[in-house]
PDB file of N, CA and C in Angstrom:
ATOM      1  N   MET A   1     -13.881 -21.662  30.695  1.00  0.00           N
ATOM      2  CA  MET A   1     -12.868 -20.787  30.098  1.00  0.00           C
ATOM      3  C   MET A   1     -12.053 -21.577  29.077  1.00  0.00           C
ATOM      4  N   THR A   2     -11.718 -20.950  28.004  1.00  0.00           N
ATOM      5  CA  THR A   2     -10.977 -21.582  26.922  1.00  0.00           C
ATOM      6  C   THR A   2      -9.487 -21.558  27.230  1.00  0.00           C
ATOM      7  N   SER A   3      -8.826 -22.639  26.913  1.00  0.00           N
ATOM      8  CA  SER A   3      -7.381 -22.719  27.077  1.00  0.00           C
ATOM      9  C   SER A   3      -6.702 -21.827  26.038  1.00  0.00           C
ATOM     10  N   LEU A   4      -5.547 -21.265  26.380  1.00  0.00           N
ATOM     11  CA  LEU A   4      -4.815 -20.413  25.456  1.00  0.00           C
ATOM     12  C   LEU A   4      -4.444 -21.153  24.175  1.00  0.00           C
ATOM     13  N   LEU A   5      -4.250 -22.471  24.269  1.00  0.00           N
ATOM     14  CA  LEU A   5      -3.884 -23.249  23.096  1.00  0.00           C
ATOM     15  C   LEU A   5      -5.034 -23.355  22.095  1.00  0.00           C
ATOM     16  N   GLN A   6      -6.262 -23.143  22.559  1.00  0.00           N
ATOM     17  CA  GLN A   6      -7.414 -23.264  21.677  1.00  0.00           C
ATOM     18  C   GLN A   6      -7.786 -21.929  21.016  1.00  0.00           C
ATOM     19  N   LEU A   7      -7.238 -20.834  21.499  1.00  0.00           N
ATOM     20  CA  LEU A   7      -7.555 -19.538  20.916  1.00  0.00           C
ATOM     21  C   LEU A   7      -6.785 -19.348  19.611  1.00  0.00           C
ATOM     22  N   PRO A   8      -7.400 -18.667  18.641  1.00  0.00           N
ATOM     23  CA  PRO A   8      -6.716 -18.481  17.356  1.00  0.00           C
ATOM     24  C   PRO A   8      -5.530 -17.528  17.463  1.00  0.00           C
ATOM     25  N   THR A   9      -4.560 -17.748  16.606  1.00  0.00           N
ATOM     26  CA  THR A   9      -3.436 -16.822  16.478  1.00  0.00           C
ATOM     27  C   THR A   9      -3.384 -16.365  15.027  1.00  0.00           C
ATOM     28  N   PHE A  10      -2.882 -15.159  14.799  1.00  0.00           N
ATOM     29  CA  PHE A  10      -2.774 -14.609  13.466  1.00  0.00           C
ATOM     30  C   PHE A  10      -1.358 -14.113  13.255  1.00  0.00           C
ATOM     31  N   PHE A  11      -0.818 -14.383  12.078  1.00  0.00           N
ATOM     32  CA  PHE A  11       0.506 -13.888  11.739  1.00  0.00           C
ATOM     33  C   PHE A  11       0.365 -12.509  11.113  1.00  0.00           C
ATOM     34  N   ILE A  12       1.157 -11.550  11.565  1.00  0.00           N
ATOM     35  CA  ILE A  12       1.116 -10.192  11.036  1.00  0.00           C
ATOM     36  C   ILE A  12       2.385  -9.993  10.213  1.00  0.00           C
ATOM     37  N   PRO A  13       2.273 -10.105   8.876  1.00  0.00           N
ATOM     38  CA  PRO A  13       3.474 -10.062   8.039  1.00  0.00           C
ATOM     39  C   PRO A  13       4.281  -8.782   8.166  1.00  0.00           C
ATOM     40  N   ARG A  14       3.611  -7.647   8.319  1.00  0.00           N
ATOM     41  CA  ARG A  14       4.327  -6.368   8.366  1.00  0.00           C
ATOM     42  C   ARG A  14       5.330  -6.334   9.521  1.00  0.00           C
ATOM     43  N   TYR A  15       4.959  -6.947  10.620  1.00  0.00           N
ATOM     44  CA  TYR A  15       5.831  -6.913  11.797  1.00  0.00           C
ATOM     45  C   TYR A  15       6.530  -8.242  12.048  1.00  0.00           C
ATOM     46  N   GLY A  16       6.207  -9.272  11.269  1.00  0.00           N
ATOM     47  CA  GLY A  16       6.833 -10.580  11.443  1.00  0.00           C
ATOM     48  C   GLY A  16       6.537 -11.191  12.795  1.00  0.00           C
ATOM     49  N   LYS A  17       5.346 -10.929  13.307  1.00  0.00           N
ATOM     50  CA  LYS A  17       4.977 -11.412  14.631  1.00  0.00           C
ATOM     51  C   LYS A  17       3.643 -12.137  14.575  1.00  0.00           C
ATOM     52  N   TYR A  18       3.390 -12.919  15.632  1.00  0.00           N
ATOM     53  CA  TYR A  18       2.100 -13.578  15.776  1.00  0.00           C
ATOM     54  C   TYR A  18       1.266 -12.820  16.793  1.00  0.00           C
ATOM     55  N   LEU A  19      -0.018 -12.754  16.544  1.00  0.00           N
ATOM     56  CA  LEU A  19      -0.948 -12.102  17.457  1.00  0.00           C
ATOM     57  C   LEU A  19      -1.794 -13.185  18.087  1.00  0.00           C
ATOM     58  N   LEU A  20      -1.795 -13.266  19.393  1.00  0.00           N
ATOM     59  CA  LEU A  20      -2.618 -14.227  20.114  1.00  0.00           C
ATOM     60  C   LEU A  20      -3.906 -13.538  20.499  1.00  0.00           C
ATOM     61  N   VAL A  21      -5.025 -14.123  20.112  1.00  0.00           N
ATOM     62  CA  VAL A  21      -6.330 -13.548  20.397  1.00  0.00           C
ATOM     63  C   VAL A  21      -6.756 -14.011  21.778  1.00  0.00           C
ATOM     64  N   LEU A  22      -6.975 -13.065  22.674  1.00  0.00           N
ATOM     65  CA  LEU A  22      -7.340 -13.415  24.040  1.00  0.00           C
ATOM     66  C   LEU A  22      -8.845 -13.377  24.257  1.00  0.00           C
ATOM     67  N   SER A  23      -9.584 -13.313  23.193  1.00  0.00           N
ATOM     68  CA  SER A  23     -11.035 -13.334  23.263  1.00  0.00           C
ATOM     69  C   SER A  23     -11.532 -14.373  22.268  1.00  0.00           C
ATOM     70  N   GLU A  24     -12.617 -15.028  22.607  1.00  0.00           N
ATOM     71  CA  GLU A  24     -13.161 -16.004  21.679  1.00  0.00           C
ATOM     72  C   GLU A  24     -13.941 -15.325  20.561  1.00  0.00           C
ATOM     73  N   ASP A  25     -14.237 -14.064  20.713  1.00  0.00           N
ATOM     74  CA  ASP A  25     -15.001 -13.329  19.719  1.00  0.00           C
ATOM     75  C   ASP A  25     -14.037 -12.754  18.682  1.00  0.00           C
ATOM     76  N   THR A  26     -13.993 -13.363  17.490  1.00  0.00           N
ATOM     77  CA  THR A  26     -13.054 -12.904  16.469  1.00  0.00           C
ATOM     78  C   THR A  26     -13.644 -11.795  15.605  1.00  0.00           C
ATOM     79  N   LYS A  27     -14.853 -11.355  15.869  1.00  0.00           N
ATOM     80  CA  LYS A  27     -15.464 -10.270  15.111  1.00  0.00           C
ATOM     81  C   LYS A  27     -14.601  -9.003  15.216  1.00  0.00           C
ATOM     82  N   ASP A  28     -14.080  -8.722  16.417  1.00  0.00           N
ATOM     83  CA  ASP A  28     -13.243  -7.537  16.609  1.00  0.00           C
ATOM     84  C   ASP A  28     -11.997  -7.596  15.728  1.00  0.00           C
ATOM     85  N   ILE A  29     -11.435  -8.783  15.583  1.00  0.00           N
ATOM     86  CA  ILE A  29     -10.232  -8.952  14.775  1.00  0.00           C
ATOM     87  C   ILE A  29     -10.570  -8.695  13.310  1.00  0.00           C
ATOM     88  N   THR A  30     -11.683  -9.223  12.850  1.00  0.00           N
ATOM     89  CA  THR A  30     -12.102  -9.015  11.468  1.00  0.00           C
ATOM     90  C   THR A  30     -12.305  -7.531  11.201  1.00  0.00           C
ATOM     91  N   ASP A  31     -12.956  -6.832  12.122  1.00  0.00           N
ATOM     92  CA  ASP A  31     -13.193  -5.405  11.942  1.00  0.00           C
ATOM     93  C   ASP A  31     -11.878  -4.634  11.844  1.00  0.00           C
ATOM     94  N   SER A  32     -10.917  -4.946  12.708  1.00  0.00           N
ATOM     95  CA  SER A  32      -9.655  -4.216  12.669  1.00  0.00           C
ATOM     96  C   SER A  32      -8.868  -4.555  11.411  1.00  0.00           C
ATOM     97  N   THR A  33      -8.966  -5.788  10.928  1.00  0.00           N
ATOM     98  CA  THR A  33      -8.285  -6.163   9.689  1.00  0.00           C
ATOM     99  C   THR A  33      -8.872  -5.397   8.521  1.00  0.00           C
ATOM    100  N   ASP A  34     -10.190  -5.264   8.455  1.00  0.00           N
ATOM    101  CA  ASP A  34     -10.841  -4.507   7.389  1.00  0.00           C
ATOM    102  C   ASP A  34     -10.386  -3.056   7.418  1.00  0.00           C
ATOM    103  N   GLN A  35     -10.227  -2.498   8.597  1.00  0.00           N
ATOM    104  CA  GLN A  35      -9.812  -1.107   8.723  1.00  0.00           C
ATOM    105  C   GLN A  35      -8.400  -0.913   8.166  1.00  0.00           C
ATOM    106  N   VAL A  36      -7.498  -1.827   8.464  1.00  0.00           N
ATOM    107  CA  VAL A  36      -6.131  -1.728   7.954  1.00  0.00           C
ATOM    108  C   VAL A  36      -6.142  -1.822   6.433  1.00  0.00           C
ATOM    109  N   THR A  37      -6.946  -2.737   5.867  1.00  0.00           N
ATOM    110  CA  THR A  37      -7.043  -2.875   4.422  1.00  0.00           C
ATOM    111  C   THR A  37      -7.534  -1.582   3.794  1.00  0.00           C
ATOM    112  N   ASP A  38      -8.545  -0.937   4.417  1.00  0.00           N
ATOM    113  CA  ASP A  38      -9.052   0.322   3.902  1.00  0.00           C
ATOM    114  C   ASP A  38      -7.974   1.402   3.938  1.00  0.00           C
ATOM    115  N   GLN A  39      -7.154   1.414   4.973  1.00  0.00           N
ATOM    116  CA  GLN A  39      -6.092   2.405   5.069  1.00  0.00           C
ATOM    117  C   GLN A  39      -5.107   2.262   3.916  1.00  0.00           C
ATOM    118  N   VAL A  40      -4.695   1.041   3.648  1.00  0.00           N
ATOM    119  CA  VAL A  40      -3.736   0.823   2.568  1.00  0.00           C
ATOM    120  C   VAL A  40      -4.352   1.255   1.249  1.00  0.00           C
ATOM    121  N   THR A  41      -5.600   0.898   0.994  1.00  0.00           N
ATOM    122  CA  THR A  41      -6.277   1.280  -0.229  1.00  0.00           C
ATOM    123  C   THR A  41      -6.349   2.796  -0.337  1.00  0.00           C
ATOM    124  N   ASP A  42      -6.630   3.461   0.754  1.00  0.00           N
ATOM    125  CA  ASP A  42      -6.707   4.921   0.752  1.00  0.00           C
ATOM    126  C   ASP A  42      -5.341   5.535   0.448  1.00  0.00           C
ATOM    127  N   GLN A  43      -4.278   4.943   0.970  1.00  0.00           N
ATOM    128  CA  GLN A  43      -2.934   5.466   0.731  1.00  0.00           C
ATOM    129  C   GLN A  43      -2.543   5.313  -0.743  1.00  0.00           C
ATOM    130  N   VAL A  44      -2.865   4.163  -1.321  1.00  0.00           N
ATOM    131  CA  VAL A  44      -2.574   3.952  -2.740  1.00  0.00           C
ATOM    132  C   VAL A  44      -3.410   4.918  -3.580  1.00  0.00           C
ATOM    133  N   ARG A  45      -4.665   5.113  -3.177  1.00  0.00           N
ATOM    134  CA  ARG A  45      -5.546   6.054  -3.867  1.00  0.00           C
ATOM    135  C   ARG A  45      -4.940   7.467  -3.860  1.00  0.00           C
ATOM    136  N   LYS A  46      -4.428   7.879  -2.711  1.00  0.00           N
ATOM    137  CA  LYS A  46      -3.792   9.201  -2.612  1.00  0.00           C
ATOM    138  C   LYS A  46      -2.588   9.302  -3.549  1.00  0.00           C
ATOM    139  N   LEU A  47      -1.826   8.227  -3.625  1.00  0.00           N
ATOM    140  CA  LEU A  47      -0.653   8.218  -4.502  1.00  0.00           C
ATOM    141  C   LEU A  47      -1.075   8.355  -5.961  1.00  0.00           C
ATOM    142  N   ILE A  48      -2.073   7.611  -6.375  1.00  0.00           N
ATOM    143  CA  ILE A  48      -2.541   7.670  -7.765  1.00  0.00           C
ATOM    144  C   ILE A  48      -3.082   9.054  -8.095  1.00  0.00           C
ATOM    145  N   LEU A  49      -3.881   9.605  -7.191  1.00  0.00           N
ATOM    146  CA  LEU A  49      -4.467  10.919  -7.449  1.00  0.00           C
ATOM    147  C   LEU A  49      -3.416  12.034  -7.462  1.00  0.00           C
ATOM    148  N   ALA A  50      -2.360  11.885  -6.674  1.00  0.00           N
ATOM    149  CA  ALA A  50      -1.315  12.907  -6.604  1.00  0.00           C
ATOM    150  C   ALA A  50      -0.379  12.853  -7.818  1.00  0.00           C
ATOM    151  N   LEU A  51      -0.219  11.669  -8.386  1.00  0.00           N
ATOM    152  CA  LEU A  51       0.730  11.495  -9.492  1.00  0.00           C
ATOM    153  C   LEU A  51       0.119  11.982 -10.794  1.00  0.00           C
ATOM    154  N   ASP A  52       0.863  12.824 -11.504  1.00  0.00           N
ATOM    155  CA  ASP A  52       0.383  13.256 -12.815  1.00  0.00           C
ATOM    156  C   ASP A  52       0.740  12.172 -13.838  1.00  0.00           C
ATOM    157  N   TYR A  53       0.622  12.480 -15.090  1.00  0.00           N
ATOM    158  CA  TYR A  53       0.821  11.472 -16.133  1.00  0.00           C
ATOM    159  C   TYR A  53       2.259  11.415 -16.624  1.00  0.00           C
ATOM    160  N   GLN A  54       3.204  11.870 -15.809  1.00  0.00           N
ATOM    161  CA  GLN A  54       4.621  11.814 -16.143  1.00  0.00           C
ATOM    162  C   GLN A  54       5.315  10.837 -15.202  1.00  0.00           C
ATOM    163  N   VAL A  55       6.558  10.505 -15.515  1.00  0.00           N
ATOM    164  CA  VAL A  55       7.329   9.617 -14.638  1.00  0.00           C
ATOM    165  C   VAL A  55       7.911  10.428 -13.488  1.00  0.00           C
ATOM    166  N   LYS A  56       7.999   9.790 -12.313  1.00  0.00           N
ATOM    167  CA  LYS A  56       8.527  10.453 -11.113  1.00  0.00           C
ATOM    168  C   LYS A  56       9.403   9.470 -10.346  1.00  0.00           C
ATOM    169  N   SER A  57      10.407   9.995  -9.676  1.00  0.00           N
ATOM    170  CA  SER A  57      11.239   9.183  -8.783  1.00  0.00           C
ATOM    171  C   SER A  57      10.497   8.994  -7.460  1.00  0.00           C
ATOM    172  N   SER A  58      10.980   8.100  -6.641  1.00  0.00           N
ATOM    173  CA  SER A  58      10.335   7.894  -5.341  1.00  0.00           C
ATOM    174  C   SER A  58      10.449   9.159  -4.481  1.00  0.00           C
ATOM    175  N   THR A  59      11.557   9.879  -4.598  1.00  0.00           N
ATOM    176  CA  THR A  59      11.715  11.129  -3.856  1.00  0.00           C
ATOM    177  C   THR A  59      10.682  12.161  -4.305  1.00  0.00           C
ATOM    178  N   GLN A  60      10.458  12.238  -5.604  1.00  0.00           N
ATOM    179  CA  GLN A  60       9.449  13.169  -6.122  1.00  0.00           C
ATOM    180  C   GLN A  60       8.039  12.772  -5.663  1.00  0.00           C
ATOM    181  N   LEU A  61       7.770  11.469  -5.656  1.00  0.00           N
ATOM    182  CA  LEU A  61       6.458  11.000  -5.195  1.00  0.00           C
ATOM    183  C   LEU A  61       6.247  11.335  -3.723  1.00  0.00           C
ATOM    184  N   MET A  62       7.288  11.127  -2.917  1.00  0.00           N
ATOM    185  CA  MET A  62       7.181  11.456  -1.495  1.00  0.00           C
ATOM    186  C   MET A  62       6.923  12.951  -1.305  1.00  0.00           C
ATOM    187  N   LYS A  63       7.574  13.767  -2.107  1.00  0.00           N
ATOM    188  CA  LYS A  63       7.377  15.214  -2.010  1.00  0.00           C
ATOM    189  C   LYS A  63       5.943  15.588  -2.386  1.00  0.00           C
ATOM    190  N   LEU A  64       5.404  14.954  -3.434  1.00  0.00           N
ATOM    191  CA  LEU A  64       4.013  15.201  -3.830  1.00  0.00           C
ATOM    192  C   LEU A  64       3.038  14.915  -2.683  1.00  0.00           C
ATOM    193  N   LEU A  65       3.331  13.841  -1.948  1.00  0.00           N
ATOM    194  CA  LEU A  65       2.456  13.410  -0.861  1.00  0.00           C
ATOM    195  C   LEU A  65       2.825  14.049   0.481  1.00  0.00           C
ATOM    196  N   GLU A  66       3.868  14.875   0.467  1.00  0.00           N
ATOM    197  CA  GLU A  66       4.358  15.526   1.689  1.00  0.00           C
ATOM    198  C   GLU A  66       4.743  14.504   2.759  1.00  0.00           C
ATOM    199  N   LEU A  67       5.459  13.456   2.330  1.00  0.00           N
ATOM    200  CA  LEU A  67       5.931  12.407   3.243  1.00  0.00           C
ATOM    201  C   LEU A  67       7.439  12.534   3.405  1.00  0.00           C
ATOM    202  N   LYS A  68       7.917  12.177   4.580  1.00  0.00           N
ATOM    203  CA  LYS A  68       9.346  12.294   4.863  1.00  0.00           C
ATOM    204  C   LYS A  68      10.012  10.953   5.193  1.00  0.00           C
ATOM    205  N   HIS A  69       9.258   9.983   5.642  1.00  0.00           N
ATOM    206  CA  HIS A  69       9.828   8.713   6.102  1.00  0.00           C
ATOM    207  C   HIS A  69       9.774   7.681   4.974  1.00  0.00           C
ATOM    208  N   ARG A  70      10.915   7.471   4.330  1.00  0.00           N
ATOM    209  CA  ARG A  70      10.987   6.599   3.156  1.00  0.00           C
ATOM    210  C   ARG A  70      10.518   5.165   3.423  1.00  0.00           C
ATOM    211  N   PRO A  71      10.902   4.522   4.536  1.00  0.00           N
ATOM    212  CA  PRO A  71      10.437   3.135   4.749  1.00  0.00           C
ATOM    213  C   PRO A  71       8.911   3.017   4.796  1.00  0.00           C
ATOM    214  N   ASN A  72       8.240   3.948   5.443  1.00  0.00           N
ATOM    215  CA  ASN A  72       6.775   3.885   5.480  1.00  0.00           C
ATOM    216  C   ASN A  72       6.183   4.172   4.105  1.00  0.00           C
ATOM    217  N   PHE A  73       6.791   5.082   3.361  1.00  0.00           N
ATOM    218  CA  PHE A  73       6.316   5.365   2.010  1.00  0.00           C
ATOM    219  C   PHE A  73       6.382   4.104   1.158  1.00  0.00           C
ATOM    220  N   ARG A  74       7.508   3.426   1.226  1.00  0.00           N
ATOM    221  CA  ARG A  74       7.679   2.204   0.427  1.00  0.00           C
ATOM    222  C   ARG A  74       6.696   1.114   0.869  1.00  0.00           C
ATOM    223  N   LEU A  75       6.551   0.945   2.162  1.00  0.00           N
ATOM    224  CA  LEU A  75       5.701  -0.117   2.696  1.00  0.00           C
ATOM    225  C   LEU A  75       4.217   0.151   2.492  1.00  0.00           C
ATOM    226  N   ASP A  76       3.782   1.381   2.718  1.00  0.00           N
ATOM    227  CA  ASP A  76       2.357   1.695   2.715  1.00  0.00           C
ATOM    228  C   ASP A  76       1.826   2.239   1.394  1.00  0.00           C
ATOM    229  N   TYR A  77       2.679   2.815   0.586  1.00  0.00           N
ATOM    230  CA  TYR A  77       2.225   3.439  -0.651  1.00  0.00           C
ATOM    231  C   TYR A  77       2.783   2.728  -1.886  1.00  0.00           C
ATOM    232  N   LEU A  78       4.113   2.746  -2.017  1.00  0.00           N
ATOM    233  CA  LEU A  78       4.744   2.311  -3.255  1.00  0.00           C
ATOM    234  C   LEU A  78       4.581   0.808  -3.522  1.00  0.00           C
ATOM    235  N   THR A  79       4.942  -0.019  -2.564  1.00  0.00           N
ATOM    236  CA  THR A  79       4.870  -1.467  -2.779  1.00  0.00           C
ATOM    237  C   THR A  79       3.447  -1.944  -3.058  1.00  0.00           C
ATOM    238  N   PRO A  80       2.437  -1.521  -2.279  1.00  0.00           N
ATOM    239  CA  PRO A  80       1.074  -1.964  -2.617  1.00  0.00           C
ATOM    240  C   PRO A  80       0.624  -1.481  -3.999  1.00  0.00           C
ATOM    241  N   ALA A  81       1.004  -0.265  -4.384  1.00  0.00           N
ATOM    242  CA  ALA A  81       0.620   0.252  -5.705  1.00  0.00           C
ATOM    243  C   ALA A  81       1.276  -0.561  -6.819  1.00  0.00           C
ATOM    244  N   LEU A  82       2.519  -0.945  -6.622  1.00  0.00           N
ATOM    245  CA  LEU A  82       3.214  -1.780  -7.610  1.00  0.00           C
ATOM    246  C   LEU A  82       2.611  -3.189  -7.653  1.00  0.00           C
ATOM    247  N   ASP A  83       2.371  -3.763  -6.476  1.00  0.00           N
ATOM    248  CA  ASP A  83       1.846  -5.126  -6.395  1.00  0.00           C
ATOM    249  C   ASP A  83       0.462  -5.265  -7.019  1.00  0.00           C
ATOM    250  N   LYS A  84      -0.343  -4.227  -6.896  1.00  0.00           N
ATOM    251  CA  LYS A  84      -1.716  -4.272  -7.420  1.00  0.00           C
ATOM    252  C   LYS A  84      -1.815  -3.778  -8.860  1.00  0.00           C
ATOM    253  N   GLY A  85      -0.695  -3.385  -9.442  1.00  0.00           N
ATOM    254  CA  GLY A  85      -0.693  -2.990 -10.841  1.00  0.00           C
ATOM    255  C   GLY A  85      -1.158  -1.567 -11.117  1.00  0.00           C
ATOM    256  N   TRP A  86      -1.065  -0.684 -10.125  1.00  0.00           N
ATOM    257  CA  TRP A  86      -1.442   0.718 -10.330  1.00  0.00           C
ATOM    258  C   TRP A  86      -0.265   1.549 -10.821  1.00  0.00           C
ATOM    259  N   LEU A  87       0.938   1.178 -10.406  1.00  0.00           N
ATOM    260  CA  LEU A  87       2.166   1.847 -10.836  1.00  0.00           C
ATOM    261  C   LEU A  87       3.074   0.816 -11.478  1.00  0.00           C
ATOM    262  N   GLU A  88       3.965   1.301 -12.341  1.00  0.00           N
ATOM    263  CA  GLU A  88       4.986   0.415 -12.907  1.00  0.00           C
ATOM    264  C   GLU A  88       6.330   1.127 -12.878  1.00  0.00           C
ATOM    265  N   ARG A  89       7.375   0.332 -12.846  1.00  0.00           N
ATOM    266  CA  ARG A  89       8.739   0.872 -12.849  1.00  0.00           C
ATOM    267  C   ARG A  89       9.153   1.190 -14.280  1.00  0.00           C
ATOM    268  N   THR A  90       9.964   2.218 -14.434  1.00  0.00           N
ATOM    269  CA  THR A  90      10.498   2.520 -15.762  1.00  0.00           C
ATOM    270  C   THR A  90      11.647   1.569 -16.105  1.00  0.00           C
ATOM    271  N   GLN A  91      12.254   0.972 -15.070  1.00  0.00           N
ATOM    272  CA  GLN A  91      13.327  -0.007 -15.262  1.00  0.00           C
ATOM    273  C   GLN A  91      12.941  -1.297 -14.520  1.00  0.00           C
ATOM    274  N   PRO A  92      12.025  -2.077 -15.074  1.00  0.00           N
ATOM    275  CA  PRO A  92      11.534  -3.251 -14.348  1.00  0.00           C
ATOM    276  C   PRO A  92      12.606  -4.291 -14.028  1.00  0.00           C
ATOM    277  N   ASP A  93      13.674  -4.342 -14.825  1.00  0.00           N
ATOM    278  CA  ASP A  93      14.738  -5.316 -14.574  1.00  0.00           C
ATOM    279  C   ASP A  93      15.729  -4.862 -13.507  1.00  0.00           C
ATOM    280  N   SER A  94      15.625  -3.605 -13.079  1.00  0.00           N
ATOM    281  CA  SER A  94      16.527  -3.053 -12.064  1.00  0.00           C
ATOM    282  C   SER A  94      15.718  -2.335 -10.984  1.00  0.00           C
ATOM    283  N   PRO A  95      14.972  -3.082 -10.162  1.00  0.00           N
ATOM    284  CA  PRO A  95      14.082  -2.428  -9.197  1.00  0.00           C
ATOM    285  C   PRO A  95      14.792  -1.559  -8.171  1.00  0.00           C
ATOM    286  N   ASN A  96      16.062  -1.810  -7.910  1.00  0.00           N
ATOM    287  CA  ASN A  96      16.793  -1.024  -6.903  1.00  0.00           C
ATOM    288  C   ASN A  96      17.718   0.025  -7.512  1.00  0.00           C
ATOM    289  N   SER A  97      17.546   0.303  -8.790  1.00  0.00           N
ATOM    290  CA  SER A  97      18.397   1.278  -9.454  1.00  0.00           C
ATOM    291  C   SER A  97      18.209   2.667  -8.846  1.00  0.00           C
ATOM    292  N   PRO A  98      19.284   3.400  -8.633  1.00  0.00           N
ATOM    293  CA  PRO A  98      19.151   4.759  -8.093  1.00  0.00           C
ATOM    294  C   PRO A  98      18.434   5.710  -9.053  1.00  0.00           C
ATOM    295  N   THR A  99      18.357   5.334 -10.324  1.00  0.00           N
ATOM    296  CA  THR A  99      17.660   6.179 -11.296  1.00  0.00           C
ATOM    297  C   THR A  99      16.243   5.664 -11.595  1.00  0.00           C
ATOM    298  N   GLN A 100      15.762   4.742 -10.764  1.00  0.00           N
ATOM    299  CA  GLN A 100      14.422   4.166 -10.956  1.00  0.00           C
ATOM    300  C   GLN A 100      13.355   5.240 -10.857  1.00  0.00           C
ATOM    301  N   LYS A 101      12.390   5.168 -11.759  1.00  0.00           N
ATOM    302  CA  LYS A 101      11.245   6.081 -11.721  1.00  0.00           C
ATOM    303  C   LYS A 101       9.980   5.252 -11.879  1.00  0.00           C
ATOM    304  N   TYR A 102       8.856   5.889 -11.624  1.00  0.00           N
ATOM    305  CA  TYR A 102       7.565   5.200 -11.629  1.00  0.00           C
ATOM    306  C   TYR A 102       6.564   5.985 -12.456  1.00  0.00           C
ATOM    307  N   ARG A 103       5.620   5.253 -13.042  1.00  0.00           N
ATOM    308  CA  ARG A 103       4.555   5.884 -13.819  1.00  0.00           C
ATOM    309  C   ARG A 103       3.255   5.125 -13.589  1.00  0.00           C
ATOM    310  N   LEU A 104       2.164   5.804 -13.876  1.00  0.00           N
ATOM    311  CA  LEU A 104       0.855   5.171 -13.760  1.00  0.00           C
ATOM    312  C   LEU A 104       0.699   4.112 -14.847  1.00  0.00           C
ATOM    313  N   THR A 105       0.047   3.014 -14.518  1.00  0.00           N
ATOM    314  CA  THR A 105      -0.272   2.009 -15.524  1.00  0.00           C
ATOM    315  C   THR A 105      -1.533   2.457 -16.260  1.00  0.00           C
ATOM    316  N   ASP A 106      -1.863   1.785 -17.347  1.00  0.00           N
ATOM    317  CA  ASP A 106      -3.098   2.099 -18.073  1.00  0.00           C
ATOM    318  C   ASP A 106      -4.307   1.928 -17.161  1.00  0.00           C
ATOM    319  N   LYS A 107      -4.252   0.910 -16.311  1.00  0.00           N
ATOM    320  CA  LYS A 107      -5.334   0.663 -15.347  1.00  0.00           C
ATOM    321  C   LYS A 107      -5.531   1.881 -14.439  1.00  0.00           C
ATOM    322  N   ALA A 108      -4.440   2.427 -13.940  1.00  0.00           N
ATOM    323  CA  ALA A 108      -4.514   3.588 -13.043  1.00  0.00           C
ATOM    324  C   ALA A 108      -4.989   4.831 -13.798  1.00  0.00           C
ATOM    325  N   LYS A 109      -4.543   4.987 -15.037  1.00  0.00           N
ATOM    326  CA  LYS A 109      -4.978   6.138 -15.831  1.00  0.00           C
ATOM    327  C   LYS A 109      -6.489   6.090 -16.073  1.00  0.00           C
ATOM    328  N   ARG A 110      -6.994   4.895 -16.416  1.00  0.00           N
ATOM    329  CA  ARG A 110      -8.444   4.750 -16.628  1.00  0.00           C
ATOM    330  C   ARG A 110      -9.209   5.060 -15.351  1.00  0.00           C
ATOM    331  N   TRP A 111      -8.712   4.554 -14.210  1.00  0.00           N
ATOM    332  CA  TRP A 111      -9.395   4.805 -12.932  1.00  0.00           C
ATOM    333  C   TRP A 111      -9.364   6.299 -12.604  1.00  0.00           C
ATOM    334  N   LYS A 112      -8.215   6.915 -12.821  1.00  0.00           N
ATOM    335  CA  LYS A 112      -8.067   8.336 -12.511  1.00  0.00           C
ATOM    336  C   LYS A 112      -9.010   9.171 -13.380  1.00  0.00           C
ATOM    337  N   GLU A 113      -9.115   8.828 -14.643  1.00  0.00           N
ATOM    338  CA  GLU A 113     -10.033   9.530 -15.536  1.00  0.00           C
ATOM    339  C   GLU A 113     -11.483   9.328 -15.106  1.00  0.00           C
ATOM    340  N   SER A 114     -11.801   8.144 -14.598  1.00  0.00           N
ATOM    341  CA  SER A 114     -13.165   7.885 -14.130  1.00  0.00           C
ATOM    342  C   SER A 114     -13.487   8.705 -12.884  1.00  0.00           C
ATOM    343  N   GLN A 115     -12.444   9.191 -12.203  1.00  0.00           N
ATOM    344  CA  GLN A 115     -12.621  10.043 -11.019  1.00  0.00           C
ATOM    345  C   GLN A 115     -12.689  11.525 -11.401  1.00  0.00           C
ATOM    346  N   GLY A 116     -12.706  11.796 -12.713  1.00  0.00           N
ATOM    347  CA  GLY A 116     -12.819  13.178 -13.178  1.00  0.00           C
ATOM    348  C   GLY A 116     -11.504  13.898 -13.309  1.00  0.00           C
ATOM    349  N   GLN A 117     -10.390  13.163 -13.310  1.00  0.00           N
ATOM    350  CA  GLN A 117      -9.070  13.797 -13.452  1.00  0.00           C
ATOM    351  C   GLN A 117      -8.477  13.386 -14.795  1.00  0.00           C
ATOM    352  N   ASN A 118      -8.625  14.235 -15.771  1.00  0.00           N
ATOM    353  CA  ASN A 118      -8.123  13.958 -17.113  1.00  0.00           C
ATOM    354  C   ASN A 118      -6.697  14.467 -17.276  1.00  0.00           C
ATOM    355  N   PRO A 119      -5.948  13.855 -18.230  1.00  0.00           N
ATOM    356  CA  PRO A 119      -4.569  14.292 -18.461  1.00  0.00           C
ATOM    357  C   PRO A 119      -4.474  15.717 -18.961  1.00  0.00           C
TER     358      PRO A 119
END
């Protein structure tokens, strides 16, 4: 039997916690990590497809997606879309401005058009 000190641990940034793997088979961990990555990609995809070619506030974006919980919207949709360059802020120097709005980047517009959604 393997000692607990020899088993791998993983840091989970979203929750600020460490996960101790109680199995020597890390294949299960890899599979679950891939699934989470796919979920985030799917959420960003939904955001891009829902957004038209105009600027929208975060409240308007949440309404488009029929979401009510702002922290999850920011964590799962908005921040990944901004980080990956799919959305951009209309006021990049004031990210916390109450009048902040978001628009699709050229990259997102090209991708959206390739999906058959023209302006």
